[in-house]
C-alpha atoms as a PDB file:
ATOM      1  CA  MET A   1     -28.360  60.018  45.293  1.00  0.00           C
ATOM      2  CA  SER A   2     -24.648  60.078  44.481  1.00  0.00           C
ATOM      3  CA  LYS A   3     -24.037  57.456  47.181  1.00  0.00           C
ATOM      4  CA  VAL A   4     -26.409  55.009  45.499  1.00  0.00           C
ATOM      5  CA  LYS A   5     -24.875  55.628  42.093  1.00  0.00           C
ATOM      6  CA  SER A   6     -21.357  55.286  43.497  1.00  0.00           C
ATOM      7  CA  GLY A   7     -22.283  52.033  45.264  1.00  0.00           C
ATOM      8  CA  SER A   8     -23.723  50.472  42.118  1.00  0.00           C
ATOM      9  CA  THR A   9     -20.619  51.520  40.141  1.00  0.00           C
ATOM     10  CA  TRP A  10     -18.347  49.776  42.635  1.00  0.00           C
ATOM     11  CA  GLY A  11     -20.614  46.751  42.584  1.00  0.00           C
ATOM     12  CA  THR A  12     -20.429  46.585  38.793  1.00  0.00           C
ATOM     13  CA  ILE A  13     -16.629  46.948  38.827  1.00  0.00           C
ATOM     14  CA  PHE A  14     -16.404  44.219  41.482  1.00  0.00           C
ATOM     15  CA  ILE A  15     -18.532  41.851  39.369  1.00  0.00           C
ATOM     16  CA  ILE A  16     -16.431  42.534  36.255  1.00  0.00           C
ATOM     17  CA  VAL A  17     -13.189  41.910  38.176  1.00  0.00           C
ATOM     18  CA  LEU A  18     -14.691  38.735  39.634  1.00  0.00           C
ATOM     19  CA  ILE A  19     -15.664  37.500  36.136  1.00  0.00           C
ATOM     20  CA  PHE A  20     -12.109  38.148  34.868  1.00  0.00           C
ATOM     21  CA  LEU A  21     -10.665  36.238  37.823  1.00  0.00           C
ATOM     22  CA  VAL A  22     -12.949  33.274  37.134  1.00  0.00           C
ATOM     23  CA  ILE A  23     -11.903  33.288  33.458  1.00  0.00           C
ATOM     24  CA  LEU A  24      -8.210  33.362  34.428  1.00  0.00           C
ATOM     25  CA  ILE A  25      -8.686  30.530  36.915  1.00  0.00           C
ATOM     26  CA  VAL A  26     -10.491  28.378  34.315  1.00  0.00           C
ATOM     27  CA  ARG A  27      -7.761  29.024  31.728  1.00  0.00           C
ATOM     28  CA  GLY A  28      -5.099  28.233  34.308  1.00  0.00           C
ATOM     29  CA  CYS A  29      -6.838  24.964  35.222  1.00  0.00           C
ATOM     30  CA  ASN A  30      -7.108  24.013  31.549  1.00  0.00           C
ATOM     31  CA  SER A  31      -3.393  24.672  31.100  1.00  0.00           C
ATOM     32  CA  VAL A  32      -2.545  22.554  34.123  1.00  0.00           C
ATOM     33  CA  VAL A  33      -4.788  19.713  32.936  1.00  0.00           C
ATOM     34  CA  GLN A  34      -3.270  19.874  29.450  1.00  0.00           C
ATOM     35  CA  HIS A  35       0.253  19.936  30.922  1.00  0.00           C
ATOM     36  CA  PHE A  36      -0.368  16.825  32.991  1.00  0.00           C
ATOM     37  CA  SER A  37      -2.206  14.981  30.205  1.00  0.00           C
ATOM     38  CA  GLU A  38       0.816  15.398  27.930  1.00  0.00           C
ATOM     39  CA  GLY A  39       3.475  12.809  28.427  1.00  0.00           C
ATOM     40  CA  SER A  40       7.162  13.461  28.661  1.00  0.00           C
ATOM     41  CA  VAL A  41       9.144  13.690  25.450  1.00  0.00           C
ATOM     42  CA  GLU A  42      10.134  10.045  25.923  1.00  0.00           C
ATOM     43  CA  GLU A  43       6.493   8.990  26.337  1.00  0.00           C
ATOM     44  CA  GLN A  44       5.511  10.990  23.259  1.00  0.00           C
ATOM     45  CA  GLY A  45       8.340   9.302  21.363  1.00  0.00           C
ATOM     46  CA  GLN A  46       6.994   5.895  22.405  1.00  0.00           C
ATOM     47  CA  ILE A  47       3.538   6.825  21.113  1.00  0.00           C
ATOM     48  CA  VAL A  48       5.002   7.846  17.749  1.00  0.00           C
ATOM     49  CA  LEU A  49       7.126   4.682  17.545  1.00  0.00           C
ATOM     50  CA  GLU A  50       4.110   2.502  18.366  1.00  0.00           C
ATOM     51  CA  PHE A  51       2.089   4.230  15.659  1.00  0.00           C
ATOM     52  CA  GLU A  52       4.928   3.704  13.174  1.00  0.00           C
ATOM     53  CA  LYS A  53       5.161   0.042  14.171  1.00  0.00           C
ATOM     54  CA  GLN A  54       1.439  -0.479  13.490  1.00  0.00           C
ATOM     55  CA  VAL A  55       1.667   1.206  10.077  1.00  0.00           C
ATOM     56  CA  ASN A  56       4.748  -0.863   9.207  1.00  0.00           C
ATOM     57  CA  GLU A  57       2.957  -4.097  10.160  1.00  0.00           C
ATOM     58  CA  ILE A  58       0.074  -3.237   7.835  1.00  0.00           C
ATOM     59  CA  ASP A  59       2.538  -2.377   5.079  1.00  0.00           C
ATOM     60  CA  GLU A  60       4.578  -5.553   5.608  1.00  0.00           C
ATOM     61  CA  ASN A  61       1.438  -7.682   5.336  1.00  0.00           C
ATOM     62  CA  LEU A  62       0.959  -6.269   1.822  1.00  0.00           C
ATOM     63  CA  SER A  63       4.586  -6.487   0.782  1.00  0.00           C
ATOM     64  CA  LYS A  64       4.251  -9.795  -1.080  1.00  0.00           C
ATOM     65  CA  LEU A  65       1.047  -8.679  -2.809  1.00  0.00           C
ATOM     66  CA  GLY A  66       2.672  -5.404  -3.848  1.00  0.00           C
ATOM     67  CA  LYS A  67       5.609  -7.265  -5.379  1.00  0.00           C
ATOM     68  CA  GLU A  68       3.248  -9.591  -7.251  1.00  0.00           C
ATOM     69  CA  VAL A  69       1.283  -6.640  -8.647  1.00  0.00           C
ATOM     70  CA  ALA A  70       4.488  -4.826  -9.613  1.00  0.00           C
ATOM     71  CA  GLU A  71       5.738  -7.929 -11.426  1.00  0.00           C
ATOM     72  CA  GLU A  72       2.382  -8.365 -13.159  1.00  0.00           C
ATOM     73  CA  LEU A  73       2.389  -4.754 -14.359  1.00  0.00           C
ATOM     74  CA  LYS A  74       6.110  -4.596 -15.103  1.00  0.00           C
ATOM     75  CA  ASN A  75       5.602  -4.768 -18.865  1.00  0.00           C
ATOM     76  CA  PHE A  76       2.199  -3.120 -18.867  1.00  0.00           C
ATOM     77  CA  SER A  77       0.596  -2.461 -22.222  1.00  0.00           C
ATOM     78  CA  ILE A  78      -2.972  -1.948 -23.328  1.00  0.00           C
ATOM     79  CA  GLU A  79      -2.838  -5.023 -25.554  1.00  0.00           C
ATOM     80  CA  THR A  80      -1.935  -7.515 -22.798  1.00  0.00           C
ATOM     81  CA  ILE A  81      -4.393  -8.419 -20.093  1.00  0.00           C
ATOM     82  CA  PRO A  82      -2.860  -8.786 -16.627  1.00  0.00           C
ATOM     83  CA  ASN A  83      -4.065 -11.241 -13.995  1.00  0.00           C
ATOM     84  CA  LEU A  84      -7.334  -9.471 -13.134  1.00  0.00           C
ATOM     85  CA  GLU A  85      -7.948 -11.655 -10.084  1.00  0.00           C
ATOM     86  CA  LEU A  86      -4.663 -10.400  -8.645  1.00  0.00           C
ATOM     87  CA  ILE A  87      -5.548  -6.798  -9.501  1.00  0.00           C
ATOM     88  CA  GLU A  88      -8.975  -7.114  -7.855  1.00  0.00           C
ATOM     89  CA  LYS A  89      -7.430  -8.773  -4.805  1.00  0.00           C
ATOM     90  CA  ALA A  90      -4.959  -5.873  -4.552  1.00  0.00           C
ATOM     91  CA  GLU A  91      -7.803  -3.386  -4.817  1.00  0.00           C
ATOM     92  CA  ARG A  92      -9.624  -5.004  -1.894  1.00  0.00           C
ATOM     93  CA  GLN A  93      -6.509  -5.466   0.246  1.00  0.00           C
ATOM     94  CA  TYR A  94      -5.365  -1.884  -0.261  1.00  0.00           C
ATOM     95  CA  ARG A  95      -8.831  -0.659   0.733  1.00  0.00           C
ATOM     96  CA  VAL A  96      -8.668  -2.815   3.890  1.00  0.00           C
ATOM     97  CA  ALA A  97      -5.201  -1.414   4.673  1.00  0.00           C
ATOM     98  CA  ALA A  98      -6.482   2.157   4.288  1.00  0.00           C
ATOM     99  CA  ASN A  99      -9.267   1.421   6.773  1.00  0.00           C
ATOM    100  CA  GLN A 100      -6.864  -0.276   9.192  1.00  0.00           C
ATOM    101  CA  ILE A 101      -4.587   2.752   9.154  1.00  0.00           C
ATOM    102  CA  LYS A 102      -7.577   5.058   9.627  1.00  0.00           C
ATOM    103  CA  ASP A 103      -8.633   2.990  12.653  1.00  0.00           C
ATOM    104  CA  ILE A 104      -5.270   3.184  14.452  1.00  0.00           C
ATOM    105  CA  ASP A 105      -5.982   4.835  17.778  1.00  0.00           C
ATOM    106  CA  ILE A 106      -3.679   7.679  18.741  1.00  0.00           C
ATOM    107  CA  PRO A 107      -3.590   7.611  22.545  1.00  0.00           C
ATOM    108  CA  ARG A 108      -3.444  10.575  24.876  1.00  0.00           C
ATOM    109  CA  GLY A 109      -0.093  11.905  25.870  1.00  0.00           C
ATOM    110  CA  LEU A 110       0.936  13.926  22.830  1.00  0.00           C
ATOM    111  CA  THR A 111       0.895  17.696  22.744  1.00  0.00           C
ATOM    112  CA  THR A 112      -1.991  19.106  20.751  1.00  0.00           C
ATOM    113  CA  GLU A 113       0.394  20.115  17.961  1.00  0.00           C
ATOM    114  CA  ARG A 114       2.093  16.710  17.792  1.00  0.00           C
ATOM    115  CA  LYS A 115      -1.223  14.881  17.878  1.00  0.00           C
ATOM    116  CA  SER A 116      -2.356  17.010  14.951  1.00  0.00           C
ATOM    117  CA  GLU A 117       0.888  16.210  13.090  1.00  0.00           C
ATOM    118  CA  LEU A 118       0.461  12.487  13.739  1.00  0.00           C
ATOM    119  CA  LYS A 119      -3.175  12.636  12.576  1.00  0.00           C
ATOM    120  CA  SER A 120      -1.999  14.307   9.362  1.00  0.00           C
ATOM    121  CA  ILE A 121       0.625  11.579   8.871  1.00  0.00           C
ATOM    122  CA  GLN A 122      -2.053   8.954   9.505  1.00  0.00           C
ATOM    123  CA  GLU A 123      -4.242  10.531   6.826  1.00  0.00           C
ATOM    124  CA  ASP A 124      -1.326  10.597   4.371  1.00  0.00           C
ATOM    125  CA  PHE A 125      -0.737   6.859   4.819  1.00  0.00           C
ATOM    126  CA  GLU A 126      -4.479   6.136   4.660  1.00  0.00           C
ATOM    127  CA  TYR A 127      -4.878   8.159   1.452  1.00  0.00           C
ATOM    128  CA  SER A 128      -1.853   6.448  -0.066  1.00  0.00           C
ATOM    129  CA  TYR A 129      -3.564   3.058   0.232  1.00  0.00           C
ATOM    130  CA  THR A 130      -6.899   4.501  -0.856  1.00  0.00           C
ATOM    131  CA  PHE A 131      -5.339   5.838  -4.050  1.00  0.00           C
ATOM    132  CA  LYS A 132      -3.551   2.522  -4.626  1.00  0.00           C
ATOM    133  CA  SER A 133      -6.896   0.777  -4.320  1.00  0.00           C
ATOM    134  CA  ASN A 134      -8.487   3.281  -6.699  1.00  0.00           C
ATOM    135  CA  ALA A 135      -5.693   2.715  -9.223  1.00  0.00           C
ATOM    136  CA  MET A 136      -6.270  -1.048  -9.140  1.00  0.00           C
ATOM    137  CA  TRP A 137     -10.013  -0.506  -9.585  1.00  0.00           C
ATOM    138  CA  ARG A 138      -9.386   1.784 -12.558  1.00  0.00           C
ATOM    139  CA  LEU A 139      -7.105  -0.786 -14.178  1.00  0.00           C
ATOM    140  CA  SER A 140      -9.657  -3.542 -13.686  1.00  0.00           C
ATOM    141  CA  ASN A 141     -12.395  -1.251 -14.963  1.00  0.00           C
ATOM    142  CA  PHE A 142     -10.348  -0.446 -18.066  1.00  0.00           C
ATOM    143  CA  TYR A 143     -10.108  -4.100 -19.006  1.00  0.00           C
ATOM    144  CA  SER A 144     -13.804  -4.728 -18.376  1.00  0.00           C
ATOM    145  CA  LYS A 145     -15.147  -1.601 -20.146  1.00  0.00           C
ATOM    146  CA  GLY A 146     -12.272  -0.539 -22.407  1.00  0.00           C
ATOM    147  CA  GLU A 147     -12.423   3.173 -21.538  1.00  0.00           C
ATOM    148  CA  LEU A 148      -9.047   4.876 -22.049  1.00  0.00           C
ATOM    149  CA  GLU A 149      -9.731   7.568 -19.438  1.00  0.00           C
ATOM    150  CA  ASP A 150      -9.476   4.834 -16.793  1.00  0.00           C
ATOM    151  CA  ILE A 151      -5.797   4.456 -17.706  1.00  0.00           C
ATOM    152  CA  GLU A 152      -5.226   8.194 -17.241  1.00  0.00           C
ATOM    153  CA  GLU A 153      -7.107   8.117 -13.944  1.00  0.00           C
ATOM    154  CA  MET A 154      -5.049   5.096 -12.865  1.00  0.00           C
ATOM    155  CA  LYS A 155      -1.851   7.055 -13.534  1.00  0.00           C
ATOM    156  CA  THR A 156      -3.196   9.998 -11.530  1.00  0.00           C
ATOM    157  CA  ASP A 157      -4.235   7.761  -8.623  1.00  0.00           C
ATOM    158  CA  THR A 158      -0.841   6.066  -8.670  1.00  0.00           C
ATOM    159  CA  GLN A 159       0.918   9.428  -8.513  1.00  0.00           C
ATOM    160  CA  LEU A 160      -1.357  10.614  -5.693  1.00  0.00           C
ATOM    161  CA  ALA A 161      -0.650   7.394  -3.781  1.00  0.00           C
ATOM    162  CA  GLN A 162       3.086   8.027  -4.144  1.00  0.00           C
ATOM    163  CA  ASP A 163       2.751  11.693  -3.133  1.00  0.00           C
ATOM    164  CA  ASN A 164       0.775  10.812  -0.006  1.00  0.00           C
ATOM    165  CA  LEU A 165       3.239   8.079   0.932  1.00  0.00           C
ATOM    166  CA  LEU A 166       6.162  10.491   0.597  1.00  0.00           C
ATOM    167  CA  ASP A 167       4.313  13.144   2.623  1.00  0.00           C
ATOM    168  CA  GLY A 168       3.621  10.583   5.364  1.00  0.00           C
ATOM    169  CA  VAL A 169       7.211   9.396   5.478  1.00  0.00           C
ATOM    170  CA  ALA A 170       8.556  12.972   5.501  1.00  0.00           C
ATOM    171  CA  GLY A 171       6.130  13.890   8.281  1.00  0.00           C
ATOM    172  CA  MET A 172       7.187  10.853  10.306  1.00  0.00           C
ATOM    173  CA  VAL A 173      10.874  11.705   9.882  1.00  0.00           C
ATOM    174  CA  THR A 174      10.247  15.304  10.962  1.00  0.00           C
ATOM    175  CA  LEU A 175       8.175  14.280  13.985  1.00  0.00           C
ATOM    176  CA  LYS A 176      10.732  11.693  15.077  1.00  0.00           C
ATOM    177  CA  LYS A 177      13.494  14.269  14.672  1.00  0.00           C
ATOM    178  CA  GLU A 178      11.559  16.740  16.875  1.00  0.00           C
ATOM    179  CA  LEU A 179      11.242  14.078  19.549  1.00  0.00           C
ATOM    180  CA  GLY A 180      14.886  13.045  19.287  1.00  0.00           C
ATOM    181  CA  ILE A 181      14.124   9.438  18.322  1.00  0.00           C
ATOM    182  CA  LEU A 182      15.525   9.481  14.808  1.00  0.00           C
ATOM    183  CA  ASP A 183      18.615   7.317  14.509  1.00  0.00           C
ATOM    184  CA  TYR A 184      19.607   8.670  11.120  1.00  0.00           C
ATOM    185  CA  ASP A 185      18.851  12.161   9.902  1.00  0.00           C
ATOM    186  CA  ALA A 186      17.634  11.653   6.337  1.00  0.00           C
ATOM    187  CA  THR A 187      17.143  15.387   5.886  1.00  0.00           C
ATOM    188  CA  THR A 188      20.883  16.128   5.688  1.00  0.00           C
ATOM    189  CA  LYS A 189      23.655  14.819   3.457  1.00  0.00           C
ATOM    190  CA  GLU A 190      25.714  13.570   6.404  1.00  0.00           C
END
């Protein structure tokens, strides 16, 4: 009777050890696959630079419109009505830009952490344009309905747009610095 019990104990221990070995092998394979799916630091830098280039192209396409809106709102007051067609055009174009930034594909080759950082930067830039669009809508809505809270909401949306833009730029600078592709270190006084 003790032989049967002893045999089943060794069998159970063998199965447990075998399960642990399988788990270790699977984890090891996942690590190897992840290691080979990540590009070199140079390749990761190229991915980040390509992403930045795409965001900059979207931003440059709106540069003229942004200047026109800024000039239109330069001497903003409740009593004067700005060019509402321009404001509505800006609202639509900023919404399109937010969607374009959201749709930028981040290719494989980044570490999981860097991909997450780049996704966060992408969201910051997307939200910046979304809030700009919301601010233009609020301004247009104010002039069509005359509700003062739209002006307060426009100010809030404008501030949120600026905050998200600054977060995106700071994140991009930090990521580029990590990858060694930053020409000028804006984080120091040198």
